Protein backbone atom coordinates (compact mmCIF):
# COMPACT_ATOMS: atom_id res chain seq x y z
CA MET A 1 131.62 -28.85 81.20
CA PHE A 2 130.16 -25.94 79.50
CA PRO A 3 127.12 -26.02 78.55
CA LEU A 4 126.29 -27.48 81.90
CA ASN A 5 122.72 -27.92 80.41
CA ASP A 6 121.23 -29.02 77.05
CA ASN A 7 120.19 -24.56 76.24
CA GLY A 8 123.47 -23.65 78.04
CA MET A 9 121.72 -21.20 80.23
CA VAL A 10 123.21 -22.09 83.31
CA SER A 11 126.36 -21.42 81.86
CA GLY A 12 125.55 -18.00 80.37
CA LEU A 13 124.42 -17.61 83.74
CA LEU A 14 127.75 -18.23 85.42
CA CYS A 15 129.87 -16.65 82.96
CA GLY A 16 127.59 -13.49 83.43
CA ILE A 17 128.04 -13.25 86.96
CA LEU A 18 132.03 -13.69 86.77
CA PHE A 19 132.36 -11.08 84.01
CA GLY A 20 130.60 -8.99 85.61
CA TYR A 21 132.42 -9.34 89.23
CA VAL A 22 135.84 -8.87 87.08
CA LEU A 23 133.74 -6.00 85.62
CA GLU A 24 134.14 -4.09 88.60
CA ASN A 25 137.19 -5.40 90.77
CA ALA A 26 138.71 -3.57 87.64
CA GLY A 27 136.92 -0.61 87.91
CA PHE A 28 135.07 -0.66 84.92
CA GLY A 29 131.65 -0.47 86.46
CA SER A 30 132.44 2.96 87.28
CA PRO A 31 131.14 5.68 84.98
CA VAL A 32 134.01 8.19 85.60
CA LYS A 33 136.15 5.72 84.34
CA LEU A 34 134.32 4.87 81.06
CA SER A 35 133.21 7.88 80.32
CA ALA A 36 137.01 9.20 80.51
CA GLN A 37 137.74 7.30 77.49
CA PHE A 38 135.61 9.83 75.58
CA LYS A 39 137.49 12.98 76.94
CA LEU A 40 141.03 10.19 76.16
CA THR A 41 142.04 10.39 79.52
CA ASP A 42 142.02 7.09 80.38
CA TRP A 43 142.55 4.11 77.58
CA ALA A 44 142.31 1.21 79.86
CA VAL A 45 138.76 -0.37 78.93
CA PHE A 46 139.47 0.12 75.16
CA LYS A 47 143.27 -0.98 75.78
CA VAL A 48 141.59 -4.55 77.65
CA MET A 49 138.98 -4.65 75.02
CA PHE A 50 141.17 -3.77 71.82
CA THR A 51 143.62 -6.88 73.85
CA ALA A 52 141.05 -9.01 74.04
CA ILE A 53 139.83 -9.07 70.04
CA VAL A 54 143.64 -9.34 68.92
CA VAL A 55 144.26 -12.04 71.48
CA ALA A 56 140.30 -14.46 70.71
CA ALA A 57 141.51 -13.71 66.69
CA VAL A 58 145.07 -14.68 66.79
CA GLY A 59 144.34 -18.14 69.03
CA LEU A 60 141.10 -19.27 66.80
CA TRP A 61 143.86 -19.25 64.00
CA LEU A 62 146.54 -21.20 65.46
CA LEU A 63 143.98 -23.90 66.65
CA ARG A 64 142.38 -23.49 62.87
CA ILE A 65 146.18 -23.89 60.97
CA GLY A 66 147.16 -26.49 63.97
CA GLY A 67 143.86 -28.52 62.89
CA LEU A 68 142.61 -28.34 66.24
CA LEU A 69 140.03 -26.59 65.27
CA ARG A 70 137.48 -27.09 62.51
CA PRO A 71 136.51 -23.67 60.59
CA ASP A 72 133.05 -24.08 61.01
CA SER A 73 132.93 -24.79 64.07
CA ILE A 74 132.41 -21.71 64.93
CA ALA A 75 129.04 -19.69 64.13
CA VAL A 76 129.58 -16.64 61.81
CA PRO A 77 126.13 -15.25 61.98
CA GLN A 78 124.61 -12.37 59.04
CA ALA A 79 126.09 -9.27 59.38
CA ALA A 80 124.28 -5.67 58.80
CA ILE A 81 127.26 -3.04 58.26
CA MET A 82 125.27 -0.04 58.11
CA ALA A 83 123.04 -1.10 60.79
CA ALA A 84 125.72 -1.62 63.07
CA ALA A 85 127.35 1.48 61.77
CA VAL A 86 124.51 3.37 63.28
CA GLY A 87 123.66 1.72 66.25
CA GLY A 88 126.90 1.36 67.04
CA ALA A 89 126.82 5.53 66.95
CA LEU A 90 123.84 5.50 68.77
CA VAL A 91 125.32 3.48 71.45
CA GLY A 92 128.41 5.32 71.95
CA ALA A 93 126.51 8.08 72.21
CA GLY A 94 124.57 6.54 75.15
CA PHE A 95 127.68 5.32 76.54
CA ALA A 96 129.68 8.76 76.05
CA VAL A 97 126.65 10.31 77.93
CA GLY A 98 125.63 7.97 80.35
CA GLY A 99 128.78 6.51 81.08
CA TYR A 100 127.75 2.89 80.91
CA CYS A 101 127.28 0.06 78.37
CA PRO A 102 124.45 -2.49 79.18
CA GLY A 103 126.93 -5.14 80.92
CA THR A 104 128.59 -2.35 82.72
CA SER A 105 125.00 -0.91 83.67
CA VAL A 106 124.42 -4.09 85.52
CA ALA A 107 127.40 -4.61 87.14
CA GLY A 108 126.96 -0.76 88.31
CA LEU A 109 123.45 -1.72 89.88
CA PHE A 110 124.37 -5.35 91.71
CA SER A 111 127.35 -2.41 93.25
CA GLY A 112 124.52 -0.28 94.38
CA ARG A 113 124.95 2.40 92.08
CA LEU A 114 121.24 4.13 91.54
CA ASP A 115 122.51 5.71 88.08
CA ALA A 116 123.23 2.42 86.73
CA LEU A 117 119.37 1.78 87.32
CA VAL A 118 118.54 4.66 85.44
CA PHE A 119 120.60 3.91 82.75
CA ILE A 120 118.93 -0.03 82.42
CA VAL A 121 115.81 1.93 82.17
CA GLY A 122 116.98 3.96 79.49
CA VAL A 123 118.00 0.94 78.09
CA LEU A 124 114.82 -1.03 78.78
CA LEU A 125 112.54 2.01 77.00
CA GLY A 126 114.99 2.12 74.08
CA THR A 127 114.60 -1.65 73.22
CA THR A 128 110.93 -0.88 73.65
CA GLY A 129 110.56 2.43 71.39
CA PHE A 130 112.84 -0.25 68.50
CA ALA A 131 110.24 -2.83 68.32
CA VAL A 132 107.36 -0.49 68.29
CA PHE A 133 108.33 1.55 65.41
CA TYR A 134 110.24 -1.17 63.49
CA GLY A 135 108.99 -0.46 60.05
CA THR A 136 109.76 -0.36 56.39
CA ALA A 137 112.63 2.63 57.11
CA LEU A 138 114.28 0.31 60.17
CA ARG A 139 114.25 -2.82 58.50
CA SER A 140 115.44 -1.11 54.84
CA LEU A 141 118.58 0.53 57.22
CA LYS A 142 118.72 -3.42 58.59
CA SER A 143 118.88 -4.75 54.88
CA ALA A 144 121.07 -2.39 53.72
CA TRP A 145 125.54 -3.61 53.43
CA LEU A 146 124.77 -7.01 54.51
CA ILE A 147 127.56 -9.77 54.84
CA ALA A 148 125.97 -13.40 54.02
CA GLU A 149 125.79 -15.34 57.37
CA GLY A 150 129.09 -17.69 57.99
CA ASP A 151 131.28 -15.25 55.73
CA THR A 152 134.15 -13.41 57.29
CA PHE A 153 136.23 -10.43 56.92
CA THR A 154 139.06 -12.72 54.39
CA ASP A 155 136.06 -14.08 52.50
CA VAL A 156 134.80 -11.28 51.79
CA TYR A 157 137.03 -9.38 50.74
CA ALA A 158 139.49 -11.76 49.72
CA VAL A 159 142.18 -10.58 52.13
CA PRO A 160 144.74 -13.19 53.72
CA GLU A 161 144.26 -13.93 57.52
CA PRO A 162 147.46 -13.69 58.16
CA VAL A 163 147.28 -9.86 56.76
CA VAL A 164 144.76 -9.50 58.62
CA LEU A 165 146.17 -10.86 62.19
CA VAL A 166 149.15 -8.16 61.21
CA VAL A 167 147.39 -4.97 60.78
CA LEU A 168 145.15 -6.35 64.05
CA GLY A 169 148.49 -6.11 66.13
CA LEU A 170 150.34 -3.22 64.85
CA ALA A 171 146.59 -1.12 65.57
CA LEU A 172 146.74 -3.11 68.83
CA VAL A 173 150.36 -1.42 69.18
CA ALA A 174 149.02 2.23 68.05
CA VAL A 175 146.34 2.03 70.88
CA PHE A 176 148.85 1.16 73.53
CA TYR A 177 151.70 3.56 72.89
CA PHE A 178 149.19 7.19 71.84
CA GLY A 179 146.69 5.70 74.46
CA SER A 180 149.80 6.38 76.90
CA TRP A 181 150.92 9.46 75.29
CA PHE A 182 147.13 10.75 76.24
CA GLU A 183 147.39 9.14 79.71
CA ARG A 184 150.67 11.35 80.01
CA ARG A 185 149.36 14.23 79.02
CA GLY A 186 146.33 14.36 81.41
CA THR A 187 148.20 13.81 84.88
CA GLY A 188 148.70 16.93 85.02
CA THR A 189 145.06 17.85 85.02
CA VAL A 190 142.90 16.50 88.25
CA THR A 191 140.50 14.15 86.79
CA ALA A 192 136.60 14.07 87.83
CA GLN A 193 137.34 10.14 89.47
CA GLN A 194 140.35 11.61 90.75
CA ALA A 195 138.50 14.27 92.44
CA VAL A 196 135.75 11.84 93.41
CA GLU A 197 137.87 10.12 95.74
CA GLY A 198 140.07 13.21 97.12
CA ALA A 199 135.93 13.76 98.34
CA ARG A 200 135.67 10.70 100.21
C-alpha cells in the first residue's frame, strides 16, 4: 500500500502520473480552457478545485469526530501568509498570461504542446531567480504574518470548525451559482476554445 517504498517517491510518481492523466482527459491541460477562468467564461477548473477542498475538509472533520483519524496525524506546516499572498498573486498573473500552472504545464508538455515547454522554462528561470536573489527583502517577506506549525485557521482565530465548514459550503454553492450564471451569459459569444475547435 502507499507509500510503496520508505520515502514515498514511487507513490508520489504514480499519483503524479494519474493526476496528469485525469487533468488532460478533463481538458484542464488546455491553456485555452484555463485562461477562460480569468475571463469568467469557464468556471470548470475553479468548481472542481473548490469542490475538492470542501469535500476534503468535511471528510477529514468527519474522520476526526468519528475517532478514525487522530488530530495530530496530519502534518500542518508553518504558514507564511504574506509570502503566500504575494506569491499567489504572481503565480496567478503567470497563470493568466501563460494559460498554465506548474502542474498543467507538465501535463500539456507530455500531450505535445510546445507552449507548455516555454511555460516550464519560465517556471525554472523564475525559481532560479528567486534562489539567486533570495536575500533580506525576500526573507523578511517570508517571515511576515506567520502562523505557527501545527496551527490551523480554527486554532489561530478560535472559530469553531463546523462554522468554517458551513462558510466553505455556502461559498461553494455561491461559486456554482455565479459560475453557471457567468457561463450562461458567455454562451452567446464564440469563445477562443470554440474558435480553435471550429478551425480543426
